[in-house]
Amino acid sequence: MNEEEKKQIREIFLTAIKDYNQGSGFSGRKIVDTPTDSLSVVNRRFVTLSSNVGSRPVSSVAVVGQPFYATDVAVPMVYSTQGWRNGVGSIVAQNN
């Protein structure tokens, strides 16, 4: 393969990559995971959140079975239809 052929192949390759990136490439198909999306990339019930008690998800966003660890009181919680339950099943917070 001579230098002219290599140059032509390089130009074709660079043009194809540029077109791909501007078209339907990765930059054109940005997928974002939002906490309120039930069809999110990462299912919310398998994401363990941890923060202080006041920062736990509200009932409109929380999913039944979603874990949460309250770092300020060192209590693991799980969301249920009645509210947040601690490790032994007692309700620690009503739906908010």
PDB file of N, CA and C in Angstrom:
ATOM      1  N   MET A   1       0.846  -1.160   0.000  1.00  0.00           N
ATOM      2  CA  MET A   1       0.000   0.000   0.000  1.00  0.00           C
ATOM      3  C   MET A   1       0.904   1.240   0.000  1.00  0.00           C
ATOM      4  N   ASN A   2       0.677   2.107  -0.958  1.00  0.00           N
ATOM      5  CA  ASN A   2       1.527   3.298  -1.056  1.00  0.00           C
ATOM      6  C   ASN A   2       0.977   4.430  -0.177  1.00  0.00           C
ATOM      7  N   GLU A   3       1.702   5.510  -0.111  1.00  0.00           N
ATOM      8  CA  GLU A   3       1.349   6.637   0.759  1.00  0.00           C
ATOM      9  C   GLU A   3       0.040   7.311   0.324  1.00  0.00           C
ATOM     10  N   GLU A   4      -0.209   7.371  -0.966  1.00  0.00           N
ATOM     11  CA  GLU A   4      -1.438   7.997  -1.461  1.00  0.00           C
ATOM     12  C   GLU A   4      -2.668   7.196  -1.017  1.00  0.00           C
ATOM     13  N   GLU A   5      -2.607   5.870  -1.079  1.00  0.00           N
ATOM     14  CA  GLU A   5      -3.713   5.026  -0.636  1.00  0.00           C
ATOM     15  C   GLU A   5      -3.941   5.175   0.869  1.00  0.00           C
ATOM     16  N   LYS A   6      -2.866   5.216   1.635  1.00  0.00           N
ATOM     17  CA  LYS A   6      -2.974   5.398   3.082  1.00  0.00           C
ATOM     18  C   LYS A   6      -3.647   6.727   3.412  1.00  0.00           C
ATOM     19  N   LYS A   7      -3.268   7.773   2.661  1.00  0.00           N
ATOM     20  CA  LYS A   7      -3.847   9.097   2.886  1.00  0.00           C
ATOM     21  C   LYS A   7      -5.342   9.094   2.580  1.00  0.00           C
ATOM     22  N   GLN A   8      -5.737   8.422   1.489  1.00  0.00           N
ATOM     23  CA  GLN A   8      -7.145   8.338   1.119  1.00  0.00           C
ATOM     24  C   GLN A   8      -7.959   7.570   2.174  1.00  0.00           C
ATOM     25  N   ILE A   9      -7.404   6.471   2.654  1.00  0.00           N
ATOM     26  CA  ILE A   9      -8.085   5.673   3.680  1.00  0.00           C
ATOM     27  C   ILE A   9      -8.240   6.488   4.958  1.00  0.00           C
ATOM     28  N   ARG A  10      -7.202   7.213   5.323  1.00  0.00           N
ATOM     29  CA  ARG A  10      -7.249   8.053   6.522  1.00  0.00           C
ATOM     30  C   ARG A  10      -8.335   9.129   6.387  1.00  0.00           C
ATOM     31  N   GLU A  11      -8.421   9.773   5.231  1.00  0.00           N
ATOM     32  CA  GLU A  11      -9.432  10.810   5.002  1.00  0.00           C
ATOM     33  C   GLU A  11     -10.847  10.227   5.076  1.00  0.00           C
ATOM     34  N   ILE A  12     -11.042   9.058   4.471  1.00  0.00           N
ATOM     35  CA  ILE A  12     -12.355   8.398   4.507  1.00  0.00           C
ATOM     36  C   ILE A  12     -12.726   8.067   5.948  1.00  0.00           C
ATOM     37  N   PHE A  13     -11.769   7.532   6.693  1.00  0.00           N
ATOM     38  CA  PHE A  13     -12.000   7.164   8.084  1.00  0.00           C
ATOM     39  C   PHE A  13     -12.348   8.391   8.938  1.00  0.00           C
ATOM     40  N   LEU A  14     -11.586   9.444   8.816  1.00  0.00           N
ATOM     41  CA  LEU A  14     -11.825  10.650   9.597  1.00  0.00           C
ATOM     42  C   LEU A  14     -13.170  11.287   9.253  1.00  0.00           C
ATOM     43  N   THR A  15     -13.537  11.274   7.986  1.00  0.00           N
ATOM     44  CA  THR A  15     -14.838  11.811   7.572  1.00  0.00           C
ATOM     45  C   THR A  15     -15.973  10.970   8.148  1.00  0.00           C
ATOM     46  N   ALA A  16     -15.821   9.659   8.113  1.00  0.00           N
ATOM     47  CA  ALA A  16     -16.854   8.774   8.649  1.00  0.00           C
ATOM     48  C   ALA A  16     -17.028   8.964  10.153  1.00  0.00           C
ATOM     49  N   ILE A  17     -15.935   9.077  10.884  1.00  0.00           N
ATOM     50  CA  ILE A  17     -16.004   9.293  12.333  1.00  0.00           C
ATOM     51  C   ILE A  17     -16.658  10.633  12.649  1.00  0.00           C
ATOM     52  N   LYS A  18     -16.290  11.663  11.911  1.00  0.00           N
ATOM     53  CA  LYS A  18     -16.868  12.985  12.130  1.00  0.00           C
ATOM     54  C   LYS A  18     -18.376  12.954  11.876  1.00  0.00           C
ATOM     55  N   ASP A  19     -18.805  12.337  10.784  1.00  0.00           N
ATOM     56  CA  ASP A  19     -20.232  12.231  10.472  1.00  0.00           C
ATOM     57  C   ASP A  19     -20.971  11.419  11.529  1.00  0.00           C
ATOM     58  N   TYR A  20     -20.359  10.343  11.991  1.00  0.00           N
ATOM     59  CA  TYR A  20     -20.981   9.494  13.003  1.00  0.00           C
ATOM     60  C   TYR A  20     -21.177  10.262  14.303  1.00  0.00           C
ATOM     61  N   ASN A  21     -20.169  10.990  14.731  1.00  0.00           N
ATOM     62  CA  ASN A  21     -20.256  11.746  15.980  1.00  0.00           C
ATOM     63  C   ASN A  21     -21.275  12.879  15.901  1.00  0.00           C
ATOM     64  N   GLN A  22     -21.485  13.447  14.743  1.00  0.00           N
ATOM     65  CA  GLN A  22     -22.457  14.530  14.594  1.00  0.00           C
ATOM     66  C   GLN A  22     -23.865  14.000  14.358  1.00  0.00           C
ATOM     67  N   GLY A  23     -23.973  12.778  13.914  1.00  0.00           N
ATOM     68  CA  GLY A  23     -25.282  12.217  13.604  1.00  0.00           C
ATOM     69  C   GLY A  23     -25.859  11.431  14.758  1.00  0.00           C
ATOM     70  N   SER A  24     -25.949  10.126  14.576  1.00  0.00           N
ATOM     71  CA  SER A  24     -26.575   9.267  15.582  1.00  0.00           C
ATOM     72  C   SER A  24     -25.559   8.645  16.519  1.00  0.00           C
ATOM     73  N   GLY A  25     -24.424   9.251  16.648  1.00  0.00           N
ATOM     74  CA  GLY A  25     -23.379   8.733  17.532  1.00  0.00           C
ATOM     75  C   GLY A  25     -23.705   8.966  18.989  1.00  0.00           C
ATOM     76  N   PHE A  26     -22.734   8.780  19.832  1.00  0.00           N
ATOM     77  CA  PHE A  26     -22.943   8.886  21.270  1.00  0.00           C
ATOM     78  C   PHE A  26     -23.417  10.275  21.688  1.00  0.00           C
ATOM     79  N   SER A  27     -22.886  11.317  21.080  1.00  0.00           N
ATOM     80  CA  SER A  27     -23.291  12.665  21.475  1.00  0.00           C
ATOM     81  C   SER A  27     -24.732  12.970  21.065  1.00  0.00           C
ATOM     82  N   GLY A  28     -25.260  12.289  20.065  1.00  0.00           N
ATOM     83  CA  GLY A  28     -26.621  12.517  19.617  1.00  0.00           C
ATOM     84  C   GLY A  28     -27.643  11.695  20.372  1.00  0.00           C
ATOM     85  N   ARG A  29     -27.194  10.718  21.167  1.00  0.00           N
ATOM     86  CA  ARG A  29     -28.115   9.830  21.867  1.00  0.00           C
ATOM     87  C   ARG A  29     -27.832   9.840  23.356  1.00  0.00           C
ATOM     88  N   LYS A  30     -27.887  10.968  23.962  1.00  0.00           N
ATOM     89  CA  LYS A  30     -27.600  11.065  25.384  1.00  0.00           C
ATOM     90  C   LYS A  30     -28.773  10.502  26.184  1.00  0.00           C
ATOM     91  N   ILE A  31     -28.503   9.497  27.001  1.00  0.00           N
ATOM     92  CA  ILE A  31     -29.516   8.878  27.839  1.00  0.00           C
ATOM     93  C   ILE A  31     -29.246   9.300  29.280  1.00  0.00           C
ATOM     94  N   VAL A  32     -30.260   9.846  29.933  1.00  0.00           N
ATOM     95  CA  VAL A  32     -30.098  10.358  31.287  1.00  0.00           C
ATOM     96  C   VAL A  32     -31.000   9.588  32.238  1.00  0.00           C
ATOM     97  N   ASP A  33     -30.472   9.216  33.390  1.00  0.00           N
ATOM     98  CA  ASP A  33     -31.240   8.534  34.410  1.00  0.00           C
ATOM     99  C   ASP A  33     -31.785   9.560  35.395  1.00  0.00           C
ATOM    100  N   THR A  34     -33.108   9.668  35.481  1.00  0.00           N
ATOM    101  CA  THR A  34     -33.711  10.622  36.401  1.00  0.00           C
ATOM    102  C   THR A  34     -34.362   9.876  37.559  1.00  0.00           C
ATOM    103  N   PRO A  35     -34.383  10.449  38.758  1.00  0.00           N
ATOM    104  CA  PRO A  35     -34.921   9.726  39.910  1.00  0.00           C
ATOM    105  C   PRO A  35     -36.419   9.465  39.864  1.00  0.00           C
ATOM    106  N   THR A  36     -37.164  10.177  39.042  1.00  0.00           N
ATOM    107  CA  THR A  36     -38.611   9.964  38.976  1.00  0.00           C
ATOM    108  C   THR A  36     -39.026   9.105  37.788  1.00  0.00           C
ATOM    109  N   ASP A  37     -38.100   8.615  37.008  1.00  0.00           N
ATOM    110  CA  ASP A  37     -38.410   7.841  35.823  1.00  0.00           C
ATOM    111  C   ASP A  37     -38.527   6.363  36.183  1.00  0.00           C
ATOM    112  N   SER A  38     -39.710   5.774  36.034  1.00  0.00           N
ATOM    113  CA  SER A  38     -39.893   4.363  36.375  1.00  0.00           C
ATOM    114  C   SER A  38     -39.160   3.436  35.408  1.00  0.00           C
ATOM    115  N   LEU A  39     -38.810   3.932  34.237  1.00  0.00           N
ATOM    116  CA  LEU A  39     -38.057   3.139  33.266  1.00  0.00           C
ATOM    117  C   LEU A  39     -36.606   3.594  33.222  1.00  0.00           C
ATOM    118  N   SER A  40     -36.071   3.971  34.359  1.00  0.00           N
ATOM    119  CA  SER A  40     -34.714   4.501  34.427  1.00  0.00           C
ATOM    120  C   SER A  40     -33.683   3.430  34.105  1.00  0.00           C
ATOM    121  N   VAL A  41     -32.495   3.860  33.736  1.00  0.00           N
ATOM    122  CA  VAL A  41     -31.416   2.937  33.384  1.00  0.00           C
ATOM    123  C   VAL A  41     -31.076   2.044  34.579  1.00  0.00           C
ATOM    124  N   VAL A  42     -30.990   2.631  35.765  1.00  0.00           N
ATOM    125  CA  VAL A  42     -30.744   1.883  36.996  1.00  0.00           C
ATOM    126  C   VAL A  42     -32.025   1.913  37.811  1.00  0.00           C
ATOM    127  N   ASN A  43     -32.593   0.759  38.076  1.00  0.00           N
ATOM    128  CA  ASN A  43     -33.824   0.681  38.827  1.00  0.00           C
ATOM    129  C   ASN A  43     -33.608   1.264  40.217  1.00  0.00           C
ATOM    130  N   ARG A  44     -34.450   2.201  40.627  1.00  0.00           N
ATOM    131  CA  ARG A  44     -34.275   2.909  41.901  1.00  0.00           C
ATOM    132  C   ARG A  44     -34.299   1.987  43.110  1.00  0.00           C
ATOM    133  N   ARG A  45     -35.030   0.897  43.052  1.00  0.00           N
ATOM    134  CA  ARG A  45     -35.111   0.042  44.229  1.00  0.00           C
ATOM    135  C   ARG A  45     -33.782  -0.662  44.523  1.00  0.00           C
ATOM    136  N   PHE A  46     -32.859  -0.677  43.586  1.00  0.00           N
ATOM    137  CA  PHE A  46     -31.572  -1.311  43.807  1.00  0.00           C
ATOM    138  C   PHE A  46     -30.464  -0.309  44.071  1.00  0.00           C
ATOM    139  N   VAL A  47     -30.816   0.959  44.200  1.00  0.00           N
ATOM    140  CA  VAL A  47     -29.834   1.999  44.505  1.00  0.00           C
ATOM    141  C   VAL A  47     -29.975   2.345  45.984  1.00  0.00           C
ATOM    142  N   THR A  48     -28.940   2.127  46.754  1.00  0.00           N
ATOM    143  CA  THR A  48     -28.992   2.424  48.171  1.00  0.00           C
ATOM    144  C   THR A  48     -28.608   3.876  48.384  1.00  0.00           C
ATOM    145  N   LEU A  49     -29.528   4.620  48.968  1.00  0.00           N
ATOM    146  CA  LEU A  49     -29.283   6.017  49.265  1.00  0.00           C
ATOM    147  C   LEU A  49     -28.849   6.130  50.715  1.00  0.00           C
ATOM    148  N   SER A  50     -28.013   7.103  51.008  1.00  0.00           N
ATOM    149  CA  SER A  50     -27.635   7.353  52.393  1.00  0.00           C
ATOM    150  C   SER A  50     -27.444   8.844  52.581  1.00  0.00           C
ATOM    151  N   SER A  51     -27.983   9.340  53.681  1.00  0.00           N
ATOM    152  CA  SER A  51     -27.887  10.742  54.039  1.00  0.00           C
ATOM    153  C   SER A  51     -28.549  10.900  55.402  1.00  0.00           C
ATOM    154  N   ASN A  52     -28.839  12.137  55.783  1.00  0.00           N
ATOM    155  CA  ASN A  52     -29.544  12.318  57.047  1.00  0.00           C
ATOM    156  C   ASN A  52     -31.031  12.025  56.857  1.00  0.00           C
ATOM    157  N   VAL A  53     -31.740  11.868  57.974  1.00  0.00           N
ATOM    158  CA  VAL A  53     -33.143  11.457  57.927  1.00  0.00           C
ATOM    159  C   VAL A  53     -33.994  12.424  57.107  1.00  0.00           C
ATOM    160  N   GLY A  54     -33.741  13.712  57.229  1.00  0.00           N
ATOM    161  CA  GLY A  54     -34.529  14.699  56.513  1.00  0.00           C
ATOM    162  C   GLY A  54     -34.360  14.667  55.008  1.00  0.00           C
ATOM    163  N   SER A  55     -33.344  13.981  54.518  1.00  0.00           N
ATOM    164  CA  SER A  55     -33.081  13.937  53.076  1.00  0.00           C
ATOM    165  C   SER A  55     -33.610  12.683  52.401  1.00  0.00           C
ATOM    166  N   ARG A  56     -34.311  11.837  53.138  1.00  0.00           N
ATOM    167  CA  ARG A  56     -34.805  10.616  52.492  1.00  0.00           C
ATOM    168  C   ARG A  56     -35.873  10.983  51.460  1.00  0.00           C
ATOM    169  N   PRO A  57     -36.042  10.155  50.433  1.00  0.00           N
ATOM    170  CA  PRO A  57     -36.990  10.464  49.359  1.00  0.00           C
ATOM    171  C   PRO A  57     -38.427  10.572  49.876  1.00  0.00           C
ATOM    172  N   VAL A  58     -39.190  11.478  49.300  1.00  0.00           N
ATOM    173  CA  VAL A  58     -40.604  11.620  49.651  1.00  0.00           C
ATOM    174  C   VAL A  58     -41.391  10.487  49.009  1.00  0.00           C
ATOM    175  N   SER A  59     -42.606  10.264  49.487  1.00  0.00           N
ATOM    176  CA  SER A  59     -43.393   9.121  49.037  1.00  0.00           C
ATOM    177  C   SER A  59     -43.725   9.165  47.549  1.00  0.00           C
ATOM    178  N   SER A  60     -43.773  10.346  46.955  1.00  0.00           N
ATOM    179  CA  SER A  60     -44.088  10.428  45.528  1.00  0.00           C
ATOM    180  C   SER A  60     -42.926   9.958  44.655  1.00  0.00           C
ATOM    181  N   VAL A  61     -41.728   9.887  45.219  1.00  0.00           N
ATOM    182  CA  VAL A  61     -40.548   9.471  44.462  1.00  0.00           C
ATOM    183  C   VAL A  61     -40.073   8.083  44.889  1.00  0.00           C
ATOM    184  N   ALA A  62     -40.243   7.748  46.169  1.00  0.00           N
ATOM    185  CA  ALA A  62     -39.755   6.472  46.691  1.00  0.00           C
ATOM    186  C   ALA A  62     -40.522   5.300  46.086  1.00  0.00           C
ATOM    187  N   VAL A  63     -39.850   4.167  45.977  1.00  0.00           N
ATOM    188  CA  VAL A  63     -40.429   2.948  45.426  1.00  0.00           C
ATOM    189  C   VAL A  63     -40.488   1.916  46.547  1.00  0.00           C
ATOM    190  N   VAL A  64     -41.559   1.147  46.605  1.00  0.00           N
ATOM    191  CA  VAL A  64     -41.683   0.115  47.629  1.00  0.00           C
ATOM    192  C   VAL A  64     -40.471  -0.816  47.546  1.00  0.00           C
ATOM    193  N   GLY A  65     -39.828  -1.020  48.688  1.00  0.00           N
ATOM    194  CA  GLY A  65     -38.637  -1.865  48.744  1.00  0.00           C
ATOM    195  C   GLY A  65     -37.339  -1.094  48.604  1.00  0.00           C
ATOM    196  N   GLN A  66     -37.421   0.215  48.379  1.00  0.00           N
ATOM    197  CA  GLN A  66     -36.211   1.025  48.200  1.00  0.00           C
ATOM    198  C   GLN A  66     -35.484   1.186  49.542  1.00  0.00           C
ATOM    199  N   PRO A  67     -34.197   0.853  49.587  1.00  0.00           N
ATOM    200  CA  PRO A  67     -33.439   1.006  50.827  1.00  0.00           C
ATOM    201  C   PRO A  67     -32.934   2.435  51.019  1.00  0.00           C
ATOM    202  N   PHE A  68     -32.757   2.821  52.273  1.00  0.00           N
ATOM    203  CA  PHE A  68     -32.190   4.118  52.615  1.00  0.00           C
ATOM    204  C   PHE A  68     -31.468   3.948  53.945  1.00  0.00           C
ATOM    205  N   TYR A  69     -30.281   4.534  54.062  1.00  0.00           N
ATOM    206  CA  TYR A  69     -29.530   4.469  55.312  1.00  0.00           C
ATOM    207  C   TYR A  69     -29.406   5.873  55.876  1.00  0.00           C
ATOM    208  N   ALA A  70     -30.001   6.081  57.052  1.00  0.00           N
ATOM    209  CA  ALA A  70     -29.945   7.379  57.712  1.00  0.00           C
ATOM    210  C   ALA A  70     -28.610   7.473  58.461  1.00  0.00           C
ATOM    211  N   THR A  71     -27.698   8.276  57.943  1.00  0.00           N
ATOM    212  CA  THR A  71     -26.353   8.364  58.512  1.00  0.00           C
ATOM    213  C   THR A  71     -26.320   9.097  59.844  1.00  0.00           C
ATOM    214  N   ASP A  72     -27.266  10.006  60.080  1.00  0.00           N
ATOM    215  CA  ASP A  72     -27.230  10.773  61.333  1.00  0.00           C
ATOM    216  C   ASP A  72     -27.700   9.963  62.541  1.00  0.00           C
ATOM    217  N   VAL A  73     -28.574   8.981  62.330  1.00  0.00           N
ATOM    218  CA  VAL A  73     -29.043   8.139  63.433  1.00  0.00           C
ATOM    219  C   VAL A  73     -28.619   6.679  63.275  1.00  0.00           C
ATOM    220  N   ALA A  74     -27.882   6.363  62.227  1.00  0.00           N
ATOM    221  CA  ALA A  74     -27.363   5.016  61.942  1.00  0.00           C
ATOM    222  C   ALA A  74     -28.473   3.965  61.898  1.00  0.00           C
ATOM    223  N   VAL A  75     -29.541   4.282  61.141  1.00  0.00           N
ATOM    224  CA  VAL A  75     -30.676   3.368  61.023  1.00  0.00           C
ATOM    225  C   VAL A  75     -30.919   3.043  59.551  1.00  0.00           C
ATOM    226  N   PRO A  76     -30.851   1.763  59.190  1.00  0.00           N
ATOM    227  CA  PRO A  76     -31.229   1.388  57.826  1.00  0.00           C
ATOM    228  C   PRO A  76     -32.752   1.370  57.718  1.00  0.00           C
ATOM    229  N   MET A  77     -33.283   1.865  56.604  1.00  0.00           N
ATOM    230  CA  MET A  77     -34.727   1.926  56.391  1.00  0.00           C
ATOM    231  C   MET A  77     -35.076   1.338  55.037  1.00  0.00           C
ATOM    232  N   VAL A  78     -36.304   0.874  54.924  1.00  0.00           N
ATOM    233  CA  VAL A  78     -36.840   0.363  53.662  1.00  0.00           C
ATOM    234  C   VAL A  78     -38.217   0.979  53.489  1.00  0.00           C
ATOM    235  N   TYR A  79     -38.532   1.441  52.280  1.00  0.00           N
ATOM    236  CA  TYR A  79     -39.824   2.071  52.027  1.00  0.00           C
ATOM    237  C   TYR A  79     -40.903   1.019  51.816  1.00  0.00           C
ATOM    238  N   SER A  80     -42.058   1.204  52.449  1.00  0.00           N
ATOM    239  CA  SER A  80     -43.218   0.339  52.253  1.00  0.00           C
ATOM    240  C   SER A  80     -44.420   1.225  51.929  1.00  0.00           C
ATOM    241  N   THR A  81     -45.565   0.622  51.687  1.00  0.00           N
ATOM    242  CA  THR A  81     -46.760   1.405  51.364  1.00  0.00           C
ATOM    243  C   THR A  81     -47.237   2.235  52.553  1.00  0.00           C
ATOM    244  N   GLN A  82     -46.897   1.837  53.780  1.00  0.00           N
ATOM    245  CA  GLN A  82     -47.291   2.596  54.962  1.00  0.00           C
ATOM    246  C   GLN A  82     -46.280   3.690  55.319  1.00  0.00           C
ATOM    247  N   GLY A  83     -45.059   3.591  54.864  1.00  0.00           N
ATOM    248  CA  GLY A  83     -44.008   4.566  55.167  1.00  0.00           C
ATOM    249  C   GLY A  83     -42.647   3.892  55.257  1.00  0.00           C
ATOM    250  N   TRP A  84     -41.705   4.551  55.892  1.00  0.00           N
ATOM    251  CA  TRP A  84     -40.347   4.018  56.037  1.00  0.00           C
ATOM    252  C   TRP A  84     -40.279   3.097  57.248  1.00  0.00           C
ATOM    253  N   ARG A  85     -39.747   1.892  57.050  1.00  0.00           N
ATOM    254  CA  ARG A  85     -39.609   0.912  58.131  1.00  0.00           C
ATOM    255  C   ARG A  85     -38.132   0.726  58.465  1.00  0.00           C
ATOM    256  N   ASN A  86     -37.865   0.478  59.760  1.00  0.00           N
ATOM    257  CA  ASN A  86     -36.485   0.203  60.164  1.00  0.00           C
ATOM    258  C   ASN A  86     -36.183  -1.278  59.960  1.00  0.00           C
ATOM    259  N   GLY A  87     -35.031  -1.731  60.423  1.00  0.00           N
ATOM    260  CA  GLY A  87     -34.590  -3.108  60.194  1.00  0.00           C
ATOM    261  C   GLY A  87     -35.455  -4.164  60.825  1.00  0.00           C
ATOM    262  N   VAL A  88     -36.207  -3.847  61.876  1.00  0.00           N
ATOM    263  CA  VAL A  88     -37.084  -4.835  62.520  1.00  0.00           C
ATOM    264  C   VAL A  88     -38.526  -4.719  62.060  1.00  0.00           C
ATOM    265  N   GLY A  89     -38.812  -3.809  61.152  1.00  0.00           N
ATOM    266  CA  GLY A  89     -40.150  -3.685  60.561  1.00  0.00           C
ATOM    267  C   GLY A  89     -41.041  -2.633  61.158  1.00  0.00           C
ATOM    268  N   SER A  90     -40.571  -1.917  62.167  1.00  0.00           N
ATOM    269  CA  SER A  90     -41.388  -0.850  62.764  1.00  0.00           C
ATOM    270  C   SER A  90     -41.396   0.368  61.857  1.00  0.00           C
ATOM    271  N   ILE A  91     -42.538   1.050  61.814  1.00  0.00           N
ATOM    272  CA  ILE A  91     -42.647   2.285  61.035  1.00  0.00           C
ATOM    273  C   ILE A  91     -41.855   3.380  61.738  1.00  0.00           C
ATOM    274  N   VAL A  92     -40.892   3.976  61.052  1.00  0.00           N
ATOM    275  CA  VAL A  92     -40.104   5.084  61.627  1.00  0.00           C
ATOM    276  C   VAL A  92     -40.523   6.418  61.048  1.00  0.00           C
ATOM    277  N   ALA A  93     -41.239   6.414  59.942  1.00  0.00           N
ATOM    278  CA  ALA A  93     -41.731   7.658  59.346  1.00  0.00           C
ATOM    279  C   ALA A  93     -42.935   7.328  58.471  1.00  0.00           C
ATOM    280  N   GLN A  94     -44.010   8.089  58.647  1.00  0.00           N
ATOM    281  CA  GLN A  94     -45.201   7.924  57.828  1.00  0.00           C
ATOM    282  C   GLN A  94     -44.930   8.453  56.420  1.00  0.00           C
ATOM    283  N   ASN A  95     -45.801   8.113  55.483  1.00  0.00           N
ATOM    284  CA  ASN A  95     -45.667   8.667  54.130  1.00  0.00           C
ATOM    285  C   ASN A  95     -45.709  10.183  54.202  1.00  0.00           C
ATOM    286  N   ASN A  96     -44.821  10.816  53.471  1.00  0.00           N
ATOM    287  CA  ASN A  96     -44.769  12.280  53.477  1.00  0.00           C
ATOM    288  C   ASN A  96     -44.917  12.823  52.090  1.00  0.00           C
TER     289      ASN A  96
END
